[in-house]
Amino acid sequence: MITTLRLPDETEALVRRIARRTGRSKSRVIRDALALLAEREHTGEGDERPYQRVAHLIGCVDSGGRKLSQHTGKQFTLALAAREQRRRAR
């Protein structure tokens, strides 16, 4: 079946670049893109939200406890002072 397709200049340039880079015809690039879109529609893969993509990672890391943030300002000041002391010792 012959189908005529009008594309914006940017999209046509993209199709041309992909075709040149992959050694396929522009028609083949468009057919492959449509096949990929149809597959995503069929499997529902394209409907996934960003949260759903990382949901399996949420809550899987232990921060090391609740007391890690205690006295951070004091510890940071001490670290800066120690660094300054090392610089002066050179």
Protein backbone atom coordinates (compact mmCIF):
# COMPACT_ATOMS: atom_id res chain seq x y z
CA MET A 1 0.00 0.00 0.00
CA ILE A 2 1.34 3.42 -0.90
CA THR A 3 0.82 6.15 1.66
CA THR A 4 1.86 9.78 1.38
CA LEU A 5 3.08 11.39 4.57
CA ARG A 6 3.81 15.05 5.27
CA LEU A 7 6.42 15.67 7.96
CA PRO A 8 7.69 18.88 9.53
CA ASP A 9 11.17 19.81 8.31
CA GLU A 10 12.78 18.86 11.64
CA THR A 11 11.18 15.41 11.64
CA GLU A 12 12.13 14.78 8.02
CA ALA A 13 15.72 15.77 8.79
CA LEU A 14 15.73 13.38 11.75
CA VAL A 15 14.40 10.53 9.60
CA ARG A 16 17.05 11.30 6.97
CA ARG A 17 19.87 11.30 9.58
CA ILE A 18 18.71 8.00 11.09
CA ALA A 19 18.43 6.43 7.63
CA ARG A 20 21.91 7.58 6.66
CA ARG A 21 23.45 6.50 9.98
CA THR A 22 21.84 3.05 9.95
CA GLY A 23 22.04 2.40 6.21
CA ARG A 24 18.26 1.97 5.90
CA SER A 25 15.86 3.77 3.61
CA LYS A 26 13.69 6.55 4.99
CA SER A 27 10.65 4.35 4.38
CA ARG A 28 12.22 1.55 6.43
CA VAL A 29 13.00 3.95 9.30
CA ILE A 30 9.37 5.13 9.35
CA ARG A 31 8.03 1.54 9.15
CA ASP A 32 10.31 0.48 12.04
CA ALA A 33 9.21 3.47 14.11
CA LEU A 34 5.54 2.65 13.52
CA ALA A 35 6.16 -1.00 14.41
CA LEU A 36 7.85 0.05 17.65
CA LEU A 37 4.96 2.39 18.49
CA ALA A 38 2.43 -0.37 17.77
CA GLU A 39 4.36 -2.78 20.01
CA ARG A 40 4.39 -0.25 22.86
CA GLU A 41 0.67 0.34 22.44
CA HIS A 42 0.04 -3.39 22.48
CA THR A 43 2.12 -4.05 25.61
CA GLY A 44 1.15 -0.84 27.39
CA GLU A 45 4.86 0.01 27.81
CA GLY A 46 4.36 3.64 26.78
CA ASP A 47 1.82 4.27 29.55
CA GLU A 48 4.38 3.95 32.34
CA ARG A 49 4.85 7.06 34.49
CA PRO A 50 8.30 8.04 35.84
CA TYR A 51 7.31 6.92 39.36
CA GLN A 52 6.38 3.48 38.07
CA ARG A 53 9.79 3.14 36.41
CA VAL A 54 11.62 3.62 39.72
CA ALA A 55 9.04 2.25 42.16
CA HIS A 56 11.09 -0.93 42.71
CA LEU A 57 14.00 1.26 43.93
CA ILE A 58 12.05 3.34 46.43
CA GLY A 59 12.73 2.20 49.98
CA CYS A 60 15.36 -0.38 49.03
CA VAL A 61 18.32 1.56 50.51
CA ASP A 62 19.02 1.92 54.21
CA SER A 63 20.22 5.40 55.12
CA GLY A 64 22.18 4.12 58.09
CA GLY A 65 19.88 5.29 60.82
CA ARG A 66 18.18 8.38 62.11
CA LYS A 67 21.14 10.00 63.89
CA LEU A 68 23.29 10.72 60.85
CA SER A 69 22.24 14.35 60.69
CA GLN A 70 22.93 15.20 64.32
CA HIS A 71 25.62 17.82 64.84
CA THR A 72 26.41 18.10 61.14
CA GLY A 73 27.11 21.83 61.41
CA LYS A 74 29.59 21.23 64.21
CA GLN A 75 31.24 18.34 62.33
CA PHE A 76 31.50 20.43 59.16
CA THR A 77 33.13 23.30 61.07
CA LEU A 78 35.67 20.89 62.59
CA ALA A 79 36.44 19.41 59.15
CA LEU A 80 37.05 22.89 57.70
CA ALA A 81 39.27 23.83 60.62
CA ALA A 82 41.31 20.63 60.20
CA ARG A 83 41.70 21.30 56.47
CA GLU A 84 42.86 24.86 57.15
CA GLN A 85 45.35 23.58 59.71
CA ARG A 86 46.79 21.11 57.16
CA ARG A 87 47.17 23.92 54.62
CA ARG A 88 49.06 26.12 57.11
CA ALA A 89 51.35 23.24 58.05
CA ARG A 90 52.70 22.97 54.47
